[in-house]
Amino acid sequence: MLVLTSEAPAAFDRFLASWGADPDTLDAVTAVDVMLEWYQFERAEDVVALDEDGDMLLFQWGSYDWGEGRSFQYEIVRQLIVAEDDDGIWQLSVTLYYPESEETQALGAGHRWCPHPRGADDFRGSIESTDATAYARLGPPSRIDVRFAQAG
């Protein structure tokens, strides 16, 4: 199915619903699984070509303070670069927040990219191999944020 980048939030919501998932109660496993399957299943029709990084996934983790106190953040992001638009980098992110602790500080920070749906299975393995994923699977997050915003 093809959609426009501007329709990504509604498309993601529909995809979540087809899984029987609620964005307010996502866990780390479901967040990654849903995002990976959505990435493999649905294309944005108004983006730069896949081979030119027009539609990629980003997995990242780390402890940060964005003005609400420090927390450990576990995040999966779909990045879409709209063709013929200099400011057209958009990200739909699912961020799971956990209380910061010595354990989460020890996890450090990092990120991984998946530049093409062909690499989604390897990307899943890469995500599953991180200590951040092992930690995030231990319990529910304290907060979940699903956001669609312009990057940069």
C-alpha atoms as a PDB file:
ATOM      1  CA  MET A   1       0.000   0.000   0.000  1.00  0.00           C
ATOM      2  CA  LEU A   2       1.266   3.471  -0.829  1.00  0.00           C
ATOM      3  CA  VAL A   3       0.671   6.542   1.315  1.00  0.00           C
ATOM      4  CA  LEU A   4       1.879  10.125   1.440  1.00  0.00           C
ATOM      5  CA  THR A   5       4.371  11.096   4.124  1.00  0.00           C
ATOM      6  CA  SER A   6       1.785  13.429   5.660  1.00  0.00           C
ATOM      7  CA  GLU A   7      -0.480  10.389   6.123  1.00  0.00           C
ATOM      8  CA  ALA A   8       2.151   8.426   8.063  1.00  0.00           C
ATOM      9  CA  PRO A   9       0.617   8.974  11.534  1.00  0.00           C
ATOM     10  CA  ALA A  10      -2.812   7.720  10.439  1.00  0.00           C
ATOM     11  CA  ALA A  11      -1.247   4.835   8.515  1.00  0.00           C
ATOM     12  CA  PHE A  12       0.790   3.823  11.562  1.00  0.00           C
ATOM     13  CA  ASP A  13      -2.291   4.032  13.798  1.00  0.00           C
ATOM     14  CA  ARG A  14      -4.194   1.779  11.381  1.00  0.00           C
ATOM     15  CA  PHE A  15      -1.297  -0.664  11.327  1.00  0.00           C
ATOM     16  CA  LEU A  16      -1.123  -0.694  15.141  1.00  0.00           C
ATOM     17  CA  ALA A  17      -4.854  -1.344  15.317  1.00  0.00           C
ATOM     18  CA  SER A  18      -4.526  -4.263  12.882  1.00  0.00           C
ATOM     19  CA  TRP A  19      -2.111  -5.796  15.400  1.00  0.00           C
ATOM     20  CA  GLY A  20      -4.559  -5.149  18.226  1.00  0.00           C
ATOM     21  CA  ALA A  21      -1.951  -2.859  19.762  1.00  0.00           C
ATOM     22  CA  ASP A  22      -2.612   0.331  21.695  1.00  0.00           C
ATOM     23  CA  PRO A  23      -0.025   3.124  21.377  1.00  0.00           C
ATOM     24  CA  ASP A  24      -0.468   3.937  25.073  1.00  0.00           C
ATOM     25  CA  THR A  25       0.506   0.443  26.229  1.00  0.00           C
ATOM     26  CA  LEU A  26       3.263  -0.575  23.819  1.00  0.00           C
ATOM     27  CA  ASP A  27       6.171  -2.571  25.135  1.00  0.00           C
ATOM     28  CA  ALA A  28       9.645  -2.798  23.591  1.00  0.00           C
ATOM     29  CA  VAL A  29       8.970  -6.035  21.708  1.00  0.00           C
ATOM     30  CA  THR A  30       5.687  -4.873  20.181  1.00  0.00           C
ATOM     31  CA  ALA A  31       7.017  -1.406  19.306  1.00  0.00           C
ATOM     32  CA  VAL A  32       9.919  -2.885  17.330  1.00  0.00           C
ATOM     33  CA  ASP A  33       7.851  -5.666  15.740  1.00  0.00           C
ATOM     34  CA  VAL A  34       5.083  -3.332  14.580  1.00  0.00           C
ATOM     35  CA  MET A  35       7.487  -0.711  13.213  1.00  0.00           C
ATOM     36  CA  LEU A  36       9.528  -3.320  11.326  1.00  0.00           C
ATOM     37  CA  GLU A  37       6.487  -4.963   9.792  1.00  0.00           C
ATOM     38  CA  TRP A  38       4.934  -1.611   8.864  1.00  0.00           C
ATOM     39  CA  TYR A  39       8.248  -0.621   7.239  1.00  0.00           C
ATOM     40  CA  GLN A  40       8.285  -3.818   5.204  1.00  0.00           C
ATOM     41  CA  PHE A  41       4.605  -3.643   4.257  1.00  0.00           C
ATOM     42  CA  GLU A  42       3.805  -0.002   3.479  1.00  0.00           C
ATOM     43  CA  ARG A  43       5.685   2.495   1.315  1.00  0.00           C
ATOM     44  CA  ALA A  44       5.476   6.259   1.189  1.00  0.00           C
ATOM     45  CA  GLU A  45       4.966   7.351  -2.412  1.00  0.00           C
ATOM     46  CA  ASP A  46       6.322  10.892  -2.135  1.00  0.00           C
ATOM     47  CA  VAL A  47       9.808  10.172  -0.792  1.00  0.00           C
ATOM     48  CA  VAL A  48      13.276   9.998  -2.283  1.00  0.00           C
ATOM     49  CA  ALA A  49      14.090   6.525  -3.665  1.00  0.00           C
ATOM     50  CA  LEU A  50      14.833   3.746  -1.184  1.00  0.00           C
ATOM     51  CA  ASP A  51      18.347   3.395  -2.606  1.00  0.00           C
ATOM     52  CA  GLU A  52      18.884   7.092  -1.832  1.00  0.00           C
ATOM     53  CA  ASP A  53      17.845   6.692   1.834  1.00  0.00           C
ATOM     54  CA  GLY A  54      14.354   8.118   1.332  1.00  0.00           C
ATOM     55  CA  ASP A  55      12.725   5.694   3.782  1.00  0.00           C
ATOM     56  CA  MET A  56      14.808   4.257   6.610  1.00  0.00           C
ATOM     57  CA  LEU A  57      14.480   2.949  10.134  1.00  0.00           C
ATOM     58  CA  LEU A  58      16.536   4.141  13.084  1.00  0.00           C
ATOM     59  CA  PHE A  59      16.881   2.360  16.405  1.00  0.00           C
ATOM     60  CA  GLN A  60      18.482   4.345  19.210  1.00  0.00           C
ATOM     61  CA  TRP A  61      18.856   4.295  22.977  1.00  0.00           C
ATOM     62  CA  GLY A  62      20.441   6.267  25.782  1.00  0.00           C
ATOM     63  CA  SER A  63      19.854   8.392  28.867  1.00  0.00           C
ATOM     64  CA  TYR A  64      18.875  11.978  28.175  1.00  0.00           C
ATOM     65  CA  ASP A  65      17.206  14.995  29.721  1.00  0.00           C
ATOM     66  CA  TRP A  66      14.958  16.945  27.356  1.00  0.00           C
ATOM     67  CA  GLY A  67      13.710  19.263  30.095  1.00  0.00           C
ATOM     68  CA  GLU A  68      11.658  16.755  32.094  1.00  0.00           C
ATOM     69  CA  GLY A  69      14.470  15.085  34.044  1.00  0.00           C
ATOM     70  CA  ARG A  70      16.797  12.311  32.947  1.00  0.00           C
ATOM     71  CA  SER A  71      15.362   9.067  31.673  1.00  0.00           C
ATOM     72  CA  PHE A  72      16.505   6.075  29.679  1.00  0.00           C
ATOM     73  CA  GLN A  73      14.970   6.198  26.211  1.00  0.00           C
ATOM     74  CA  TYR A  74      14.462   3.249  23.886  1.00  0.00           C
ATOM     75  CA  GLU A  75      13.324   4.391  20.462  1.00  0.00           C
ATOM     76  CA  ILE A  76      12.416   3.090  17.020  1.00  0.00           C
ATOM     77  CA  VAL A  77      11.967   5.702  14.274  1.00  0.00           C
ATOM     78  CA  ARG A  78      10.833   5.667  10.668  1.00  0.00           C
ATOM     79  CA  GLN A  79      12.492   8.477   8.748  1.00  0.00           C
ATOM     80  CA  LEU A  80      10.972   9.682   5.489  1.00  0.00           C
ATOM     81  CA  ILE A  81      12.658  12.180   3.185  1.00  0.00           C
ATOM     82  CA  VAL A  82      10.132  13.880   0.940  1.00  0.00           C
ATOM     83  CA  ALA A  83      11.340  14.316  -2.641  1.00  0.00           C
ATOM     84  CA  GLU A  84      11.878  17.859  -3.921  1.00  0.00           C
ATOM     85  CA  ASP A  85      11.560  19.437  -0.462  1.00  0.00           C
ATOM     86  CA  ASP A  86      14.677  20.900   1.178  1.00  0.00           C
ATOM     87  CA  ASP A  87      13.054  20.697   4.627  1.00  0.00           C
ATOM     88  CA  GLY A  88      11.300  17.413   3.957  1.00  0.00           C
ATOM     89  CA  ILE A  89      12.823  15.065   6.546  1.00  0.00           C
ATOM     90  CA  TRP A  90      10.044  13.644   8.732  1.00  0.00           C
ATOM     91  CA  GLN A  91      10.234  11.108  11.525  1.00  0.00           C
ATOM     92  CA  LEU A  92       7.555   8.965  13.102  1.00  0.00           C
ATOM     93  CA  SER A  93       9.023   7.805  16.407  1.00  0.00           C
ATOM     94  CA  VAL A  94       7.964   5.465  19.156  1.00  0.00           C
ATOM     95  CA  THR A  95       9.887   6.297  22.319  1.00  0.00           C
ATOM     96  CA  LEU A  96       9.667   4.252  25.488  1.00  0.00           C
ATOM     97  CA  TYR A  97      10.894   5.997  28.643  1.00  0.00           C
ATOM     98  CA  TYR A  98      12.302   4.205  31.699  1.00  0.00           C
ATOM     99  CA  PRO A  99      13.528   5.683  34.978  1.00  0.00           C
ATOM    100  CA  GLU A 100      17.238   6.350  34.896  1.00  0.00           C
ATOM    101  CA  SER A 101      19.350   4.137  37.104  1.00  0.00           C
ATOM    102  CA  GLU A 102      22.931   2.948  37.400  1.00  0.00           C
ATOM    103  CA  GLU A 103      21.913   0.026  35.213  1.00  0.00           C
ATOM    104  CA  THR A 104      20.569   2.242  32.424  1.00  0.00           C
ATOM    105  CA  GLN A 105      23.604   4.534  32.643  1.00  0.00           C
ATOM    106  CA  ALA A 106      25.790   1.473  32.105  1.00  0.00           C
ATOM    107  CA  LEU A 107      23.919   0.752  28.870  1.00  0.00           C
ATOM    108  CA  GLY A 108      25.353   3.924  27.362  1.00  0.00           C
ATOM    109  CA  ALA A 109      23.907   5.274  24.155  1.00  0.00           C
ATOM    110  CA  GLY A 110      23.903   4.066  20.600  1.00  0.00           C
ATOM    111  CA  HIS A 111      22.032   3.801  17.357  1.00  0.00           C
ATOM    112  CA  ARG A 112      21.605   1.592  14.319  1.00  0.00           C
ATOM    113  CA  TRP A 113      20.124   2.300  10.881  1.00  0.00           C
ATOM    114  CA  CYS A 114      18.192   0.114   8.467  1.00  0.00           C
ATOM    115  CA  PRO A 115      18.450   1.740   5.030  1.00  0.00           C
ATOM    116  CA  HIS A 116      16.198  -0.652   3.109  1.00  0.00           C
ATOM    117  CA  PRO A 117      13.303  -3.048   3.809  1.00  0.00           C
ATOM    118  CA  ARG A 118      15.480  -5.885   2.417  1.00  0.00           C
ATOM    119  CA  GLY A 119      17.629  -5.535   5.536  1.00  0.00           C
ATOM    120  CA  ALA A 120      14.779  -5.603   8.053  1.00  0.00           C
ATOM    121  CA  ASP A 121      15.468  -9.139   9.293  1.00  0.00           C
ATOM    122  CA  ASP A 122      19.146  -8.386   9.916  1.00  0.00           C
ATOM    123  CA  PHE A 123      18.129  -5.102  11.538  1.00  0.00           C
ATOM    124  CA  ARG A 124      15.788  -6.988  13.895  1.00  0.00           C
ATOM    125  CA  GLY A 125      18.677  -9.245  14.890  1.00  0.00           C
ATOM    126  CA  SER A 126      20.867  -6.213  15.483  1.00  0.00           C
ATOM    127  CA  ILE A 127      18.223  -4.653  17.750  1.00  0.00           C
ATOM    128  CA  GLU A 128      17.637  -7.893  19.639  1.00  0.00           C
ATOM    129  CA  SER A 129      21.359  -8.309  20.311  1.00  0.00           C
ATOM    130  CA  THR A 130      21.684  -5.050  22.274  1.00  0.00           C
ATOM    131  CA  ASP A 131      21.818  -4.816  26.051  1.00  0.00           C
ATOM    132  CA  ALA A 132      19.332  -1.945  25.688  1.00  0.00           C
ATOM    133  CA  THR A 133      16.737  -4.362  24.313  1.00  0.00           C
ATOM    134  CA  ALA A 134      17.413  -6.906  27.050  1.00  0.00           C
ATOM    135  CA  TYR A 135      16.827  -4.145  29.602  1.00  0.00           C
ATOM    136  CA  ALA A 136      13.697  -2.757  27.901  1.00  0.00           C
ATOM    137  CA  ARG A 137      12.131  -6.223  27.864  1.00  0.00           C
ATOM    138  CA  LEU A 138      12.325  -6.474  31.668  1.00  0.00           C
ATOM    139  CA  GLY A 139       9.247  -4.385  32.282  1.00  0.00           C
ATOM    140  CA  PRO A 140       6.846  -1.784  31.011  1.00  0.00           C
ATOM    141  CA  PRO A 141       8.046   1.750  30.313  1.00  0.00           C
ATOM    142  CA  SER A 142       7.033   4.586  32.604  1.00  0.00           C
ATOM    143  CA  ARG A 143       5.885   6.608  29.587  1.00  0.00           C
ATOM    144  CA  ILE A 144       5.358   6.118  25.846  1.00  0.00           C
ATOM    145  CA  ASP A 145       5.487   8.818  23.210  1.00  0.00           C
ATOM    146  CA  VAL A 146       4.433   8.284  19.581  1.00  0.00           C
ATOM    147  CA  ARG A 147       5.344  11.395  17.640  1.00  0.00           C
ATOM    148  CA  PHE A 148       5.443  12.589  14.039  1.00  0.00           C
ATOM    149  CA  ALA A 149       7.648  15.627  13.503  1.00  0.00           C
ATOM    150  CA  GLN A 150       9.996  17.287  11.118  1.00  0.00           C
ATOM    151  CA  ALA A 151      13.617  16.320  11.839  1.00  0.00           C
ATOM    152  CA  GLY A 152      16.458  18.700  12.302  1.00  0.00           C
END
